[in-house]
Amino acid sequence: MNVLKISKHHQRGASMIEVLVTIFILAIGLLGAASLQSTGLRQAAMSQMSAEAQIQVQSLVEMIIAFDMDIGTGTPIGNYEYSALPGDQGVDCGATYCSKQQLAQYNIWNWADSMDPALPSFAFDIDFDDPNDEYSITFTWDSLREGPAYTASTCTPADGLNPGCIAILLEL
């Protein structure tokens, strides 16, 4: 009769261990699902920023093509060569006549200002190669959302597939 009482005592603890193991396995599964959700949201945000950056760079390219030509000769002037955002907007070319250089500063300022909500941290470099009549444009943004710690990375045509980097050679 003592044998039956001892085995019943062991049976009560075994069901408690089964419940704990089940909860542990369920918790690991839920953590895995949460991790997948987080990764998916981060990738979606990076994709959205990349699409916005491509739209903005396309807008810049179209602006350069439209406004940086010498009317008489049809050759590019090189007014859109900037390594950083101009210090200010300059002359308001929407309200008054501007020289081509003033128009370039005005256009670059407004182009960069339109990016602020979608790409809050970005850097660009626009170089003009006069003998070849071509622009080299590099554009980087904070694809990892580092915030104030963001520093612009190097971006070359070889890095063009890296997140947060677009490099274009525009031949006019």
Protein backbone atom coordinates (compact mmCIF):
# COMPACT_ATOMS: atom_id res chain seq x y z
CA MET A 1 0.00 0.00 0.00
CA ASN A 2 2.92 2.35 0.57
CA VAL A 3 4.07 1.69 -2.97
CA LEU A 4 0.85 3.15 -4.41
CA LYS A 5 1.09 6.30 -2.31
CA ILE A 6 4.69 6.96 -3.39
CA SER A 7 3.87 6.63 -7.10
CA LYS A 8 0.90 9.00 -6.78
CA HIS A 9 3.17 11.55 -5.14
CA HIS A 10 5.57 11.41 -8.13
CA GLN A 11 2.72 11.77 -10.63
CA ARG A 12 1.62 15.14 -9.21
CA GLY A 13 5.04 16.81 -9.82
CA ALA A 14 5.39 15.42 -13.35
CA SER A 15 2.36 17.35 -14.68
CA MET A 16 3.79 20.58 -13.24
CA ILE A 17 7.08 20.01 -15.11
CA GLU A 18 5.16 19.33 -18.35
CA VAL A 19 3.31 22.65 -17.99
CA LEU A 20 6.57 24.56 -17.34
CA VAL A 21 8.26 22.96 -20.37
CA THR A 22 5.25 23.82 -22.54
CA ILE A 23 5.28 27.45 -21.36
CA PHE A 24 9.03 27.65 -22.01
CA ILE A 25 8.66 26.32 -25.57
CA LEU A 26 5.73 28.67 -26.22
CA ALA A 27 7.73 31.66 -24.91
CA ILE A 28 10.66 30.87 -27.22
CA GLY A 29 8.28 30.61 -30.17
CA LEU A 30 6.66 33.96 -29.35
CA LEU A 31 10.06 35.64 -29.00
CA GLY A 32 11.03 34.28 -32.41
CA ALA A 33 7.82 35.62 -33.96
CA ALA A 34 8.40 39.03 -32.35
CA SER A 35 11.96 39.09 -33.70
CA LEU A 36 10.72 38.31 -37.22
CA GLN A 37 8.12 41.08 -36.94
CA SER A 38 10.76 43.59 -35.80
CA THR A 39 13.13 42.62 -38.61
CA GLY A 40 10.34 42.90 -41.16
CA LEU A 41 9.37 46.38 -39.98
CA ARG A 42 13.00 47.54 -40.07
CA GLN A 43 13.47 46.20 -43.60
CA ALA A 44 10.23 47.85 -44.74
CA ALA A 45 11.40 51.19 -43.33
CA MET A 46 14.79 50.83 -45.04
CA SER A 47 13.06 50.01 -48.32
CA GLN A 48 10.80 53.04 -48.00
CA MET A 49 13.78 55.33 -47.31
CA SER A 50 15.65 53.83 -50.27
CA ALA A 51 12.71 54.48 -52.58
CA GLU A 52 12.43 58.06 -51.30
CA ALA A 53 16.17 58.60 -51.80
CA GLN A 54 15.94 57.32 -55.37
CA ILE A 55 13.06 59.71 -56.08
CA GLN A 56 15.00 62.63 -54.58
CA VAL A 57 18.17 61.85 -56.55
CA GLN A 58 16.12 61.51 -59.74
CA SER A 59 14.62 64.92 -59.00
CA LEU A 60 18.13 66.35 -58.55
CA VAL A 61 19.29 64.83 -61.84
CA GLU A 62 16.30 66.26 -63.68
CA MET A 63 16.91 69.67 -62.11
CA ILE A 64 20.55 69.67 -63.23
CA ILE A 65 19.58 68.61 -66.76
CA ALA A 66 16.90 71.31 -66.94
CA PHE A 67 18.82 74.27 -65.51
CA ASP A 68 22.56 73.76 -65.95
CA MET A 69 23.00 74.42 -69.63
CA ASP A 70 24.54 77.37 -71.39
CA ILE A 71 21.72 78.43 -73.68
CA GLY A 72 23.99 79.58 -76.49
CA THR A 73 26.30 76.56 -76.65
CA GLY A 74 24.19 73.78 -75.14
CA THR A 75 27.05 72.72 -72.83
CA PRO A 76 26.77 72.31 -69.07
CA ILE A 77 28.10 75.14 -66.89
CA GLY A 78 28.86 73.31 -63.63
CA ASN A 79 26.84 75.56 -61.32
CA TYR A 80 25.42 72.60 -59.41
CA GLU A 81 28.75 71.52 -57.92
CA TYR A 82 28.11 71.32 -54.17
CA SER A 83 29.71 69.19 -51.48
CA ALA A 84 27.21 70.24 -48.82
CA LEU A 85 24.02 72.18 -48.41
CA PRO A 86 24.50 75.91 -49.11
CA GLY A 87 24.49 78.13 -46.01
CA ASP A 88 21.16 79.66 -46.95
CA GLN A 89 18.57 79.79 -49.70
CA GLY A 90 20.10 82.89 -51.24
CA VAL A 91 17.99 85.02 -53.57
CA ASP A 92 14.34 83.98 -53.83
CA CYS A 93 14.31 83.04 -57.50
CA GLY A 94 10.57 82.49 -57.38
CA ALA A 95 10.05 86.20 -56.76
CA THR A 96 12.91 87.88 -58.63
CA TYR A 97 15.35 87.39 -61.49
CA CYS A 98 18.39 85.23 -60.63
CA SER A 99 21.68 84.46 -62.26
CA LYS A 100 22.36 80.80 -63.11
CA GLN A 101 24.58 80.47 -60.01
CA GLN A 102 21.90 82.01 -57.75
CA LEU A 103 19.30 79.71 -59.33
CA ALA A 104 21.50 76.69 -58.62
CA GLN A 105 21.85 77.68 -54.96
CA TYR A 106 18.11 78.32 -54.70
CA ASN A 107 17.26 74.98 -56.35
CA ILE A 108 19.71 72.94 -54.24
CA TRP A 109 18.42 74.58 -51.04
CA ASN A 110 14.77 73.85 -51.90
CA TRP A 111 15.60 70.32 -53.07
CA ALA A 112 17.32 69.52 -49.78
CA ASP A 113 14.56 71.20 -47.76
CA SER A 114 11.93 68.96 -49.37
CA MET A 115 13.71 65.85 -48.05
CA ASP A 116 13.58 66.64 -44.36
CA PRO A 117 10.51 64.61 -43.32
CA ALA A 118 11.34 61.48 -45.31
CA LEU A 119 15.14 61.46 -44.99
CA PRO A 120 16.02 63.49 -41.90
CA SER A 121 19.76 62.69 -42.01
CA PHE A 122 21.45 62.79 -45.39
CA ALA A 123 24.61 63.99 -47.11
CA PHE A 124 25.43 64.60 -50.74
CA ASP A 125 28.34 65.50 -52.95
CA ILE A 126 27.96 66.82 -56.49
CA ASP A 127 31.17 67.13 -58.50
CA PHE A 128 31.42 68.49 -62.02
CA ASP A 129 34.08 67.22 -64.43
CA ASP A 130 34.40 70.06 -66.95
CA PRO A 131 36.45 68.32 -69.67
CA ASN A 132 33.99 65.41 -69.81
CA ASP A 133 30.82 67.47 -69.21
CA GLU A 134 29.63 65.10 -66.49
CA TYR A 135 28.44 65.22 -62.92
CA SER A 136 29.33 62.67 -60.28
CA ILE A 137 26.56 62.58 -57.68
CA THR A 138 26.78 60.69 -54.40
CA PHE A 139 23.96 60.64 -51.89
CA THR A 140 23.93 58.90 -48.50
CA TRP A 141 21.30 58.72 -45.79
CA ASP A 142 20.84 57.28 -42.33
CA SER A 143 19.42 53.90 -43.37
CA LEU A 144 20.11 52.38 -39.94
CA ARG A 145 18.36 55.25 -38.11
CA GLU A 146 21.36 56.13 -35.97
CA GLY A 147 19.97 59.61 -35.34
CA PRO A 148 22.43 62.24 -34.09
CA ALA A 149 25.26 59.69 -34.20
CA TYR A 150 24.92 59.40 -38.01
CA THR A 151 27.99 60.29 -40.04
CA ALA A 152 27.91 60.15 -43.82
CA SER A 153 29.60 57.06 -45.16
CA THR A 154 31.72 56.95 -48.26
CA CYS A 155 29.70 56.24 -51.33
CA THR A 156 31.21 55.36 -54.69
CA PRO A 157 29.75 53.62 -57.74
CA ALA A 158 31.26 50.39 -56.35
CA ASP A 159 29.21 50.88 -53.14
CA GLY A 160 26.04 51.59 -55.08
CA LEU A 161 24.21 48.52 -53.79
CA ASN A 162 24.96 49.22 -50.14
CA PRO A 163 22.06 50.40 -47.97
CA GLY A 164 22.09 54.15 -47.56
CA CYS A 165 24.13 54.91 -50.69
CA ILE A 166 23.37 56.07 -54.23
CA ALA A 167 26.17 57.00 -56.64
CA ILE A 168 25.41 58.25 -60.15
CA LEU A 169 27.53 59.47 -63.03
CA LEU A 170 25.50 61.93 -65.10
CA GLU A 171 26.89 62.60 -68.57
CA LEU A 172 25.40 65.71 -70.18
